[in-house]
Amino acid sequence: MTVSERSGDVCPYQSPGQIRRGLASGRLVLTELGMERLCSRCGETYPLDTEFWYFQPSARAGVGSYCKACFREVTGRCAGQPRKDKNRFSNKTQTEMQTVQTTTAGQVMAIRIDELHKEHDLVRAARAMVRAHMDHDTALPALEEVREQFPGVPADYLICLWIGVNAKDREGLLV
């Protein structure tokens, strides 16, 4: 049975450990009505069922952290409905759209899409990661080798490069 086939309100399953942690943190409250959950946005508690919370099986509590009212207010939609604007850059200027910027441990690396070319540090680091992945059996030596060659590339970028190269290698696409 899928979520859309459910009729009526349901209470997502909570393991004893989840209940214990939720009660200890204050996210869950036991009242005369039963188990209630604290909305992380409005601060109100509501019964832990799908009348007040969207079912979210990937979430630790089985429901989202915002109550339905707050979720609708923040997103302008109900859960399960498609986003009205799938382009997350829509409210940005053309220049902002062309620049992807991240901050990692105090380092800022801005990548301008129109400046991305074969000799860009990130592109060169990606090629180096392919070679390092072939030379080493595990991630750490490969990451350290590429990090020495490209100290300006943030560590999380290098990890993403390694994950991508590793995935392609497992698919047999690396030669």
N, C-alpha and C. Protein backbone atom coordinates (compact mmCIF):
# COMPACT_ATOMS: atom_id res chain seq x y z
N MET A 1 0.85 -1.18 0.00
CA MET A 1 0.00 0.00 0.00
C MET A 1 0.89 1.24 0.00
N THR A 2 0.63 2.15 -0.90
CA THR A 2 1.41 3.38 -0.95
C THR A 2 0.78 4.43 -0.06
N VAL A 3 1.52 5.50 0.17
CA VAL A 3 1.03 6.57 1.03
C VAL A 3 -0.25 7.16 0.47
N SER A 4 -0.34 7.31 -0.85
CA SER A 4 -1.53 7.92 -1.45
C SER A 4 -2.76 7.03 -1.31
N GLU A 5 -2.56 5.72 -1.09
CA GLU A 5 -3.68 4.79 -0.95
C GLU A 5 -4.20 4.73 0.48
N ARG A 6 -3.52 5.35 1.42
CA ARG A 6 -3.95 5.30 2.80
C ARG A 6 -5.24 6.08 2.97
N SER A 7 -6.13 5.54 3.76
CA SER A 7 -7.36 6.27 4.05
C SER A 7 -7.37 6.56 5.53
N GLY A 8 -7.77 7.75 5.89
CA GLY A 8 -7.79 8.13 7.30
C GLY A 8 -6.42 8.50 7.80
N ASP A 9 -6.36 8.85 9.06
CA ASP A 9 -5.12 9.28 9.67
C ASP A 9 -4.37 8.10 10.24
N VAL A 10 -3.08 8.11 10.11
CA VAL A 10 -2.24 7.05 10.63
C VAL A 10 -1.17 7.65 11.52
N CYS A 11 -0.72 6.85 12.44
CA CYS A 11 0.39 7.26 13.30
C CYS A 11 1.60 6.47 12.84
N PRO A 12 2.65 7.14 12.38
CA PRO A 12 3.85 6.42 11.94
C PRO A 12 4.46 5.60 13.07
N TYR A 13 5.04 4.48 12.71
CA TYR A 13 5.68 3.62 13.71
C TYR A 13 6.87 4.33 14.33
N GLN A 14 6.98 4.24 15.62
CA GLN A 14 8.11 4.79 16.36
C GLN A 14 8.73 3.65 17.17
N SER A 15 10.01 3.41 17.00
CA SER A 15 10.68 2.39 17.79
C SER A 15 10.83 2.91 19.22
N PRO A 16 11.02 2.02 20.18
CA PRO A 16 11.22 2.48 21.57
C PRO A 16 12.38 3.47 21.69
N GLY A 17 13.46 3.25 20.94
CA GLY A 17 14.59 4.16 20.98
C GLY A 17 14.23 5.54 20.44
N GLN A 18 13.44 5.57 19.35
CA GLN A 18 13.01 6.85 18.78
C GLN A 18 12.14 7.60 19.78
N ILE A 19 11.25 6.88 20.43
CA ILE A 19 10.37 7.52 21.42
C ILE A 19 11.20 8.06 22.58
N ARG A 20 12.13 7.26 23.08
CA ARG A 20 12.98 7.69 24.19
C ARG A 20 13.77 8.95 23.83
N ARG A 21 14.40 8.95 22.65
CA ARG A 21 15.18 10.12 22.23
C ARG A 21 14.28 11.33 21.99
N GLY A 22 13.11 11.11 21.40
CA GLY A 22 12.18 12.20 21.15
C GLY A 22 11.67 12.83 22.43
N LEU A 23 11.36 11.99 23.41
CA LEU A 23 10.90 12.51 24.71
C LEU A 23 12.03 13.26 25.42
N ALA A 24 13.24 12.70 25.36
CA ALA A 24 14.38 13.34 26.03
C ALA A 24 14.71 14.69 25.40
N SER A 25 14.57 14.80 24.08
CA SER A 25 14.91 16.06 23.40
C SER A 25 13.78 17.08 23.45
N GLY A 26 12.58 16.63 23.79
CA GLY A 26 11.45 17.54 23.82
C GLY A 26 10.68 17.60 22.52
N ARG A 27 11.12 16.87 21.50
CA ARG A 27 10.40 16.85 20.22
C ARG A 27 9.10 16.08 20.34
N LEU A 28 9.07 15.08 21.20
CA LEU A 28 7.86 14.31 21.45
C LEU A 28 7.37 14.59 22.86
N VAL A 29 6.04 14.64 23.01
CA VAL A 29 5.43 14.90 24.32
C VAL A 29 4.29 13.90 24.48
N LEU A 30 4.22 13.28 25.64
CA LEU A 30 3.14 12.34 25.92
C LEU A 30 2.05 13.09 26.67
N THR A 31 0.84 13.19 26.08
CA THR A 31 -0.28 13.91 26.70
C THR A 31 -1.44 12.94 26.88
N GLU A 32 -2.57 13.46 27.40
CA GLU A 32 -3.75 12.61 27.57
C GLU A 32 -4.32 12.18 26.22
N LEU A 33 -3.98 12.90 25.16
CA LEU A 33 -4.43 12.52 23.81
C LEU A 33 -3.53 11.46 23.18
N GLY A 34 -2.36 11.25 23.75
CA GLY A 34 -1.39 10.31 23.21
C GLY A 34 -0.09 11.01 22.89
N MET A 35 0.67 10.46 21.95
CA MET A 35 1.96 11.01 21.58
C MET A 35 1.75 12.24 20.70
N GLU A 36 2.45 13.33 21.04
CA GLU A 36 2.39 14.55 20.24
C GLU A 36 3.81 14.93 19.85
N ARG A 37 3.91 15.64 18.73
CA ARG A 37 5.22 16.06 18.21
C ARG A 37 5.27 17.58 18.17
N LEU A 38 6.45 18.12 18.45
CA LEU A 38 6.69 19.55 18.43
C LEU A 38 7.08 20.00 17.02
N CYS A 39 6.38 21.00 16.50
CA CYS A 39 6.73 21.56 15.19
C CYS A 39 7.96 22.43 15.37
N SER A 40 8.98 22.19 14.58
CA SER A 40 10.22 22.94 14.74
C SER A 40 10.11 24.37 14.22
N ARG A 41 9.02 24.70 13.56
CA ARG A 41 8.86 26.06 13.05
C ARG A 41 7.98 26.91 13.97
N CYS A 42 6.74 26.44 14.25
CA CYS A 42 5.82 27.26 15.05
C CYS A 42 5.92 26.99 16.54
N GLY A 43 6.54 25.88 16.92
CA GLY A 43 6.72 25.57 18.33
C GLY A 43 5.50 24.96 19.01
N GLU A 44 4.45 24.67 18.26
CA GLU A 44 3.24 24.04 18.81
C GLU A 44 3.38 22.52 18.76
N THR A 45 2.67 21.84 19.66
CA THR A 45 2.65 20.37 19.61
C THR A 45 1.31 19.93 19.06
N TYR A 46 1.38 18.88 18.22
CA TYR A 46 0.18 18.32 17.60
C TYR A 46 0.26 16.80 17.70
N PRO A 47 -0.91 16.12 17.72
CA PRO A 47 -0.89 14.65 17.75
C PRO A 47 -0.05 14.09 16.61
N LEU A 48 0.68 13.06 16.92
CA LEU A 48 1.61 12.46 15.95
C LEU A 48 0.82 11.54 15.01
N ASP A 49 0.09 12.17 14.09
CA ASP A 49 -0.61 11.41 13.06
C ASP A 49 -0.67 12.25 11.79
N THR A 50 -1.16 11.65 10.72
CA THR A 50 -1.11 12.31 9.43
C THR A 50 -2.20 13.35 9.24
N GLU A 51 -3.00 13.61 10.25
CA GLU A 51 -3.92 14.73 10.18
C GLU A 51 -3.14 16.04 10.32
N PHE A 52 -2.07 16.01 11.12
CA PHE A 52 -1.28 17.20 11.40
C PHE A 52 0.12 17.19 10.78
N TRP A 53 0.59 16.02 10.37
CA TRP A 53 1.96 15.87 9.86
C TRP A 53 1.94 15.13 8.54
N TYR A 54 2.82 15.51 7.62
CA TYR A 54 2.95 14.76 6.38
C TYR A 54 3.80 13.52 6.65
N PHE A 55 3.32 12.38 6.16
CA PHE A 55 4.04 11.12 6.29
C PHE A 55 5.33 11.22 5.48
N GLN A 56 6.44 10.94 6.12
CA GLN A 56 7.75 11.02 5.46
C GLN A 56 8.58 9.84 5.95
N PRO A 57 8.51 8.71 5.25
CA PRO A 57 9.17 7.51 5.73
C PRO A 57 10.68 7.64 5.90
N SER A 58 11.32 8.56 5.16
CA SER A 58 12.76 8.71 5.28
C SER A 58 13.16 9.50 6.52
N ALA A 59 12.21 10.20 7.14
CA ALA A 59 12.51 10.99 8.34
C ALA A 59 12.62 10.08 9.55
N ARG A 60 13.42 10.48 10.51
CA ARG A 60 13.63 9.68 11.71
C ARG A 60 12.33 9.38 12.44
N ALA A 61 11.45 10.38 12.52
CA ALA A 61 10.18 10.21 13.24
C ALA A 61 9.08 9.66 12.35
N GLY A 62 9.33 9.51 11.06
CA GLY A 62 8.31 9.03 10.14
C GLY A 62 7.43 10.14 9.60
N VAL A 63 7.60 11.35 10.12
CA VAL A 63 6.88 12.53 9.64
C VAL A 63 7.89 13.67 9.52
N GLY A 64 7.49 14.72 8.81
CA GLY A 64 8.37 15.88 8.65
C GLY A 64 8.56 16.63 9.95
N SER A 65 9.47 17.59 9.96
CA SER A 65 9.71 18.36 11.18
C SER A 65 8.79 19.57 11.29
N TYR A 66 8.12 19.95 10.17
CA TYR A 66 7.13 21.03 10.20
C TYR A 66 5.74 20.41 10.18
N CYS A 67 4.82 21.01 10.93
CA CYS A 67 3.42 20.58 10.86
C CYS A 67 2.90 20.92 9.47
N LYS A 68 1.73 20.38 9.11
CA LYS A 68 1.19 20.62 7.77
C LYS A 68 0.98 22.10 7.50
N ALA A 69 0.47 22.83 8.48
CA ALA A 69 0.21 24.26 8.27
C ALA A 69 1.50 25.02 7.98
N CYS A 70 2.55 24.76 8.75
CA CYS A 70 3.83 25.44 8.53
C CYS A 70 4.44 25.03 7.20
N PHE A 71 4.34 23.75 6.86
CA PHE A 71 4.89 23.28 5.59
C PHE A 71 4.23 24.01 4.43
N ARG A 72 2.89 24.11 4.48
CA ARG A 72 2.16 24.82 3.42
C ARG A 72 2.56 26.28 3.36
N GLU A 73 2.73 26.89 4.54
CA GLU A 73 3.08 28.31 4.60
C GLU A 73 4.47 28.56 4.00
N VAL A 74 5.42 27.68 4.33
CA VAL A 74 6.80 27.85 3.86
C VAL A 74 6.93 27.54 2.38
N THR A 75 6.31 26.46 1.93
CA THR A 75 6.51 26.01 0.55
C THR A 75 5.42 26.47 -0.41
N GLY A 76 4.27 26.85 0.12
CA GLY A 76 3.16 27.24 -0.74
C GLY A 76 2.51 26.06 -1.42
N ARG A 77 2.71 24.87 -0.90
CA ARG A 77 2.12 23.67 -1.51
C ARG A 77 1.95 22.59 -0.45
N CYS A 78 1.21 21.57 -0.81
CA CYS A 78 1.07 20.40 0.06
C CYS A 78 2.17 19.41 -0.31
N ALA A 79 2.54 18.57 0.63
CA ALA A 79 3.55 17.55 0.34
C ALA A 79 3.03 16.65 -0.76
N GLY A 80 3.92 16.21 -1.63
CA GLY A 80 3.54 15.34 -2.72
C GLY A 80 3.18 16.09 -3.98
N GLN A 81 2.85 17.39 -3.86
CA GLN A 81 2.58 18.19 -5.05
C GLN A 81 3.91 18.61 -5.67
N PRO A 82 3.95 18.73 -6.98
CA PRO A 82 5.20 19.18 -7.60
C PRO A 82 5.49 20.62 -7.23
N ARG A 83 6.76 20.94 -7.18
CA ARG A 83 7.15 22.31 -6.91
C ARG A 83 6.71 23.19 -8.07
N LYS A 84 6.25 24.38 -7.74
CA LYS A 84 5.79 25.29 -8.79
C LYS A 84 6.95 25.73 -9.66
N ASP A 85 8.13 25.88 -9.05
CA ASP A 85 9.29 26.35 -9.80
C ASP A 85 10.44 25.41 -9.52
N LYS A 86 10.75 24.56 -10.46
CA LYS A 86 11.83 23.59 -10.25
C LYS A 86 13.20 24.22 -10.41
N ASN A 87 13.28 25.42 -10.98
CA ASN A 87 14.57 26.09 -11.14
C ASN A 87 14.88 26.86 -9.87
N ARG A 88 15.79 26.37 -9.06
CA ARG A 88 16.07 27.00 -7.78
C ARG A 88 16.79 28.33 -7.92
N PHE A 89 17.24 28.67 -9.12
CA PHE A 89 17.92 29.93 -9.35
C PHE A 89 16.98 31.00 -9.93
N SER A 90 15.69 30.73 -9.99
CA SER A 90 14.77 31.59 -10.73
C SER A 90 14.73 33.02 -10.22
N ASN A 91 14.93 33.24 -8.93
CA ASN A 91 14.84 34.60 -8.40
C ASN A 91 16.21 35.28 -8.37
N LYS A 92 17.18 34.73 -9.06
CA LYS A 92 18.52 35.32 -9.09
C LYS A 92 18.78 35.95 -10.44
N THR A 93 19.72 36.85 -10.47
CA THR A 93 20.08 37.50 -11.72
C THR A 93 20.87 36.54 -12.59
N GLN A 94 21.07 36.92 -13.85
CA GLN A 94 21.82 36.07 -14.77
C GLN A 94 23.23 35.82 -14.27
N THR A 95 23.89 36.83 -13.71
CA THR A 95 25.25 36.67 -13.20
C THR A 95 25.26 35.70 -12.02
N GLU A 96 24.28 35.83 -11.13
CA GLU A 96 24.21 34.93 -9.98
C GLU A 96 23.93 33.50 -10.43
N MET A 97 23.15 33.34 -11.50
CA MET A 97 22.85 32.00 -12.01
C MET A 97 24.10 31.32 -12.52
N GLN A 98 25.04 32.10 -13.02
CA GLN A 98 26.23 31.52 -13.62
C GLN A 98 27.33 31.23 -12.60
N THR A 99 27.12 31.59 -11.34
CA THR A 99 28.14 31.38 -10.33
C THR A 99 27.61 30.45 -9.25
N VAL A 100 28.33 29.38 -9.01
CA VAL A 100 28.01 28.48 -7.91
C VAL A 100 29.08 28.71 -6.87
N GLN A 101 28.67 29.03 -5.65
CA GLN A 101 29.65 29.38 -4.63
C GLN A 101 29.41 28.54 -3.39
N THR A 102 30.46 28.09 -2.78
CA THR A 102 30.35 27.32 -1.55
C THR A 102 31.41 27.76 -0.57
N THR A 103 31.12 27.58 0.71
CA THR A 103 32.08 27.89 1.75
C THR A 103 32.35 26.61 2.51
N THR A 104 33.60 26.24 2.65
CA THR A 104 33.98 25.04 3.37
C THR A 104 35.13 25.40 4.30
N ALA A 105 34.89 25.29 5.58
CA ALA A 105 35.93 25.56 6.59
C ALA A 105 36.66 26.86 6.30
N GLY A 106 35.89 27.91 6.02
CA GLY A 106 36.49 29.21 5.80
C GLY A 106 36.96 29.45 4.38
N GLN A 107 37.02 28.41 3.55
CA GLN A 107 37.44 28.58 2.17
C GLN A 107 36.21 28.84 1.31
N VAL A 108 36.33 29.73 0.37
CA VAL A 108 35.25 29.99 -0.57
C VAL A 108 35.76 29.66 -1.96
N MET A 109 35.01 28.86 -2.66
CA MET A 109 35.37 28.54 -4.04
C MET A 109 34.17 28.87 -4.90
N ALA A 110 34.31 29.84 -5.76
CA ALA A 110 33.24 30.22 -6.67
C ALA A 110 33.54 29.62 -8.04
N ILE A 111 32.54 29.00 -8.60
CA ILE A 111 32.70 28.39 -9.92
C ILE A 111 31.76 29.12 -10.86
N ARG A 112 32.32 29.87 -11.78
CA ARG A 112 31.50 30.53 -12.80
C ARG A 112 31.36 29.57 -13.97
N ILE A 113 30.14 29.27 -14.31
CA ILE A 113 29.87 28.29 -15.35
C ILE A 113 30.52 28.70 -16.67
N ASP A 114 30.49 30.00 -16.98
CA ASP A 114 31.07 30.43 -18.25
C ASP A 114 32.60 30.39 -18.23
N GLU A 115 33.22 30.20 -17.06
CA GLU A 115 34.68 30.09 -16.96
C GLU A 115 35.15 28.65 -16.79
N LEU A 116 34.22 27.72 -16.73
CA LEU A 116 34.58 26.32 -16.55
C LEU A 116 35.14 25.78 -17.87
N HIS A 117 36.37 25.30 -17.82
CA HIS A 117 37.05 24.82 -19.02
C HIS A 117 38.01 23.70 -18.62
N LYS A 118 38.70 23.13 -19.59
CA LYS A 118 39.57 21.97 -19.34
C LYS A 118 40.68 22.24 -18.34
N GLU A 119 41.12 23.50 -18.21
CA GLU A 119 42.22 23.81 -17.30
C GLU A 119 41.75 24.40 -15.97
N HIS A 120 40.45 24.40 -15.72
CA HIS A 120 39.93 24.85 -14.42
C HIS A 120 40.41 23.87 -13.35
N ASP A 121 40.75 24.38 -12.16
CA ASP A 121 41.28 23.53 -11.09
C ASP A 121 40.36 22.36 -10.76
N LEU A 122 39.06 22.59 -10.76
CA LEU A 122 38.14 21.51 -10.42
C LEU A 122 38.13 20.43 -11.50
N VAL A 123 38.19 20.83 -12.76
CA VAL A 123 38.23 19.87 -13.86
C VAL A 123 39.54 19.08 -13.82
N ARG A 124 40.65 19.78 -13.57
CA ARG A 124 41.94 19.10 -13.46
C ARG A 124 41.96 18.16 -12.26
N ALA A 125 41.34 18.58 -11.15
CA ALA A 125 41.27 17.73 -9.96
C ALA A 125 40.44 16.48 -10.26
N ALA A 126 39.40 16.62 -11.07
CA ALA A 126 38.57 15.46 -11.44
C ALA A 126 39.40 14.45 -12.23
N ARG A 127 40.20 14.95 -13.19
CA ARG A 127 41.06 14.04 -13.96
C ARG A 127 42.09 13.38 -13.05
N ALA A 128 42.65 14.16 -12.12
CA ALA A 128 43.63 13.60 -11.17
C ALA A 128 42.97 12.55 -10.28
N MET A 129 41.70 12.77 -9.93
CA MET A 129 41.00 11.81 -9.08
C MET A 129 40.80 10.48 -9.80
N VAL A 130 40.54 10.52 -11.10
CA VAL A 130 40.41 9.28 -11.88
C VAL A 130 41.71 8.49 -11.79
N ARG A 131 42.85 9.20 -12.00
CA ARG A 131 44.15 8.51 -11.93
C ARG A 131 44.42 7.99 -10.52
N ALA A 132 44.15 8.82 -9.49
CA ALA A 132 44.41 8.41 -8.10
C ALA A 132 43.52 7.25 -7.70
N HIS A 133 42.30 7.24 -8.20
CA HIS A 133 41.37 6.14 -7.89
C HIS A 133 41.90 4.83 -8.45
N MET A 134 42.51 4.88 -9.62
CA MET A 134 43.06 3.67 -10.23
C MET A 134 44.31 3.19 -9.50
N ASP A 135 45.05 4.13 -8.89
CA ASP A 135 46.30 3.78 -8.20
C ASP A 135 46.10 3.29 -6.77
N HIS A 136 44.97 3.61 -6.15
CA HIS A 136 44.75 3.29 -4.73
C HIS A 136 43.48 2.46 -4.55
N ASP A 137 43.52 1.58 -3.55
CA ASP A 137 42.37 0.72 -3.29
C ASP A 137 41.30 1.39 -2.44
N THR A 138 41.67 2.41 -1.66
CA THR A 138 40.71 3.05 -0.78
C THR A 138 40.68 4.56 -1.03
N ALA A 139 39.70 5.22 -0.45
CA ALA A 139 39.48 6.64 -0.70
C ALA A 139 40.57 7.54 -0.12
N LEU A 140 40.98 7.29 1.10
CA LEU A 140 41.86 8.22 1.80
C LEU A 140 43.16 8.52 1.06
N PRO A 141 43.91 7.52 0.59
CA PRO A 141 45.14 7.85 -0.13
C PRO A 141 44.87 8.62 -1.42
N ALA A 142 43.79 8.27 -2.11
CA ALA A 142 43.45 8.98 -3.34
C ALA A 142 43.10 10.44 -3.03
N LEU A 143 42.32 10.65 -1.98
CA LEU A 143 41.94 12.01 -1.59
C LEU A 143 43.17 12.83 -1.19
N GLU A 144 44.06 12.22 -0.41
CA GLU A 144 45.27 12.93 0.01
C GLU A 144 46.16 13.29 -1.17
N GLU A 145 46.27 12.38 -2.13
CA GLU A 145 47.11 12.64 -3.31
C GLU A 145 46.57 13.83 -4.11
N VAL A 146 45.27 13.84 -4.35
CA VAL A 146 44.67 14.93 -5.12
C VAL A 146 44.67 16.22 -4.31
N ARG A 147 44.49 16.12 -3.01
CA ARG A 147 44.51 17.31 -2.14
C ARG A 147 45.88 18.00 -2.18
N GLU A 148 46.96 17.20 -2.24
CA GLU A 148 48.31 17.77 -2.34
C GLU A 148 48.49 18.53 -3.65
N GLN A 149 47.92 18.01 -4.72
CA GLN A 149 48.05 18.64 -6.03
C GLN A 149 47.17 19.89 -6.16
N PHE A 150 46.02 19.87 -5.48
CA PHE A 150 45.04 20.96 -5.61
C PHE A 150 44.57 21.41 -4.22
N PRO A 151 45.43 22.10 -3.47
CA PRO A 151 45.05 22.51 -2.11
C PRO A 151 43.91 23.52 -2.06
N GLY A 152 43.64 24.22 -3.16
CA GLY A 152 42.57 25.21 -3.18
C GLY A 152 41.18 24.61 -3.38
N VAL A 153 41.12 23.33 -3.74
CA VAL A 153 39.82 22.69 -3.94
C VAL A 153 39.34 22.17 -2.58
N PRO A 154 38.17 22.59 -2.13
CA PRO A 154 37.66 22.16 -0.81
C PRO A 154 37.55 20.64 -0.70
N ALA A 155 37.72 20.15 0.51
CA ALA A 155 37.70 18.71 0.76
C ALA A 155 36.38 18.07 0.36
N ASP A 156 35.25 18.77 0.60
CA ASP A 156 33.97 18.16 0.24
C ASP A 156 33.83 18.01 -1.28
N TYR A 157 34.45 18.89 -2.06
CA TYR A 157 34.45 18.74 -3.52
C TYR A 157 35.25 17.49 -3.90
N LEU A 158 36.40 17.32 -3.25
CA LEU A 158 37.24 16.15 -3.56
C LEU A 158 36.51 14.86 -3.20
N ILE A 159 35.82 14.86 -2.08
CA ILE A 159 35.06 13.67 -1.69
C ILE A 159 33.99 13.37 -2.73
N CYS A 160 33.29 14.40 -3.18
CA CYS A 160 32.28 14.20 -4.23
C CYS A 160 32.90 13.67 -5.51
N LEU A 161 34.07 14.18 -5.87
CA LEU A 161 34.76 13.66 -7.05
C LEU A 161 35.08 12.18 -6.88
N TRP A 162 35.59 11.81 -5.70
CA TRP A 162 35.94 10.41 -5.46
C TRP A 162 34.69 9.53 -5.53
N ILE A 163 33.59 9.99 -4.94
CA ILE A 163 32.35 9.21 -4.97
C ILE A 163 31.90 9.00 -6.41
N GLY A 164 31.95 10.06 -7.22
CA GLY A 164 31.55 9.94 -8.62
C GLY A 164 32.44 9.01 -9.41
N VAL A 165 33.74 9.12 -9.22
CA VAL A 165 34.68 8.25 -9.92
C VAL A 165 34.49 6.80 -9.47
N ASN A 166 34.31 6.60 -8.17
CA ASN A 166 34.10 5.26 -7.64
C ASN A 166 32.83 4.64 -8.21
N ALA A 167 31.75 5.44 -8.30
CA ALA A 167 30.49 4.93 -8.84
C ALA A 167 30.66 4.51 -10.30
N LYS A 168 31.34 5.33 -11.08
CA LYS A 168 31.55 4.99 -12.49
C LYS A 168 32.44 3.76 -12.64
N ASP A 169 33.41 3.63 -11.76
CA ASP A 169 34.29 2.47 -11.79
C ASP A 169 33.50 1.19 -11.50
N ARG A 170 32.58 1.27 -10.53
CA ARG A 170 31.77 0.10 -10.19
C ARG A 170 30.83 -0.28 -11.32
N GLU A 171 30.43 0.71 -12.13
CA GLU A 171 29.59 0.42 -13.28
C GLU A 171 30.39 -0.07 -14.48
N GLY A 172 31.74 -0.08 -14.32
CA GLY A 172 32.61 -0.53 -15.40
C GLY A 172 32.80 0.49 -16.49
N LEU A 173 32.56 1.78 -16.18
CA LEU A 173 32.65 2.81 -17.19
C LEU A 173 34.02 3.49 -17.25
N LEU A 174 34.89 3.20 -16.28
CA LEU A 174 36.23 3.76 -16.32
C LEU A 174 37.16 2.82 -17.08
N VAL A 175 37.97 3.39 -17.95
CA VAL A 175 38.89 2.58 -18.73
C VAL A 175 40.31 2.97 -18.39
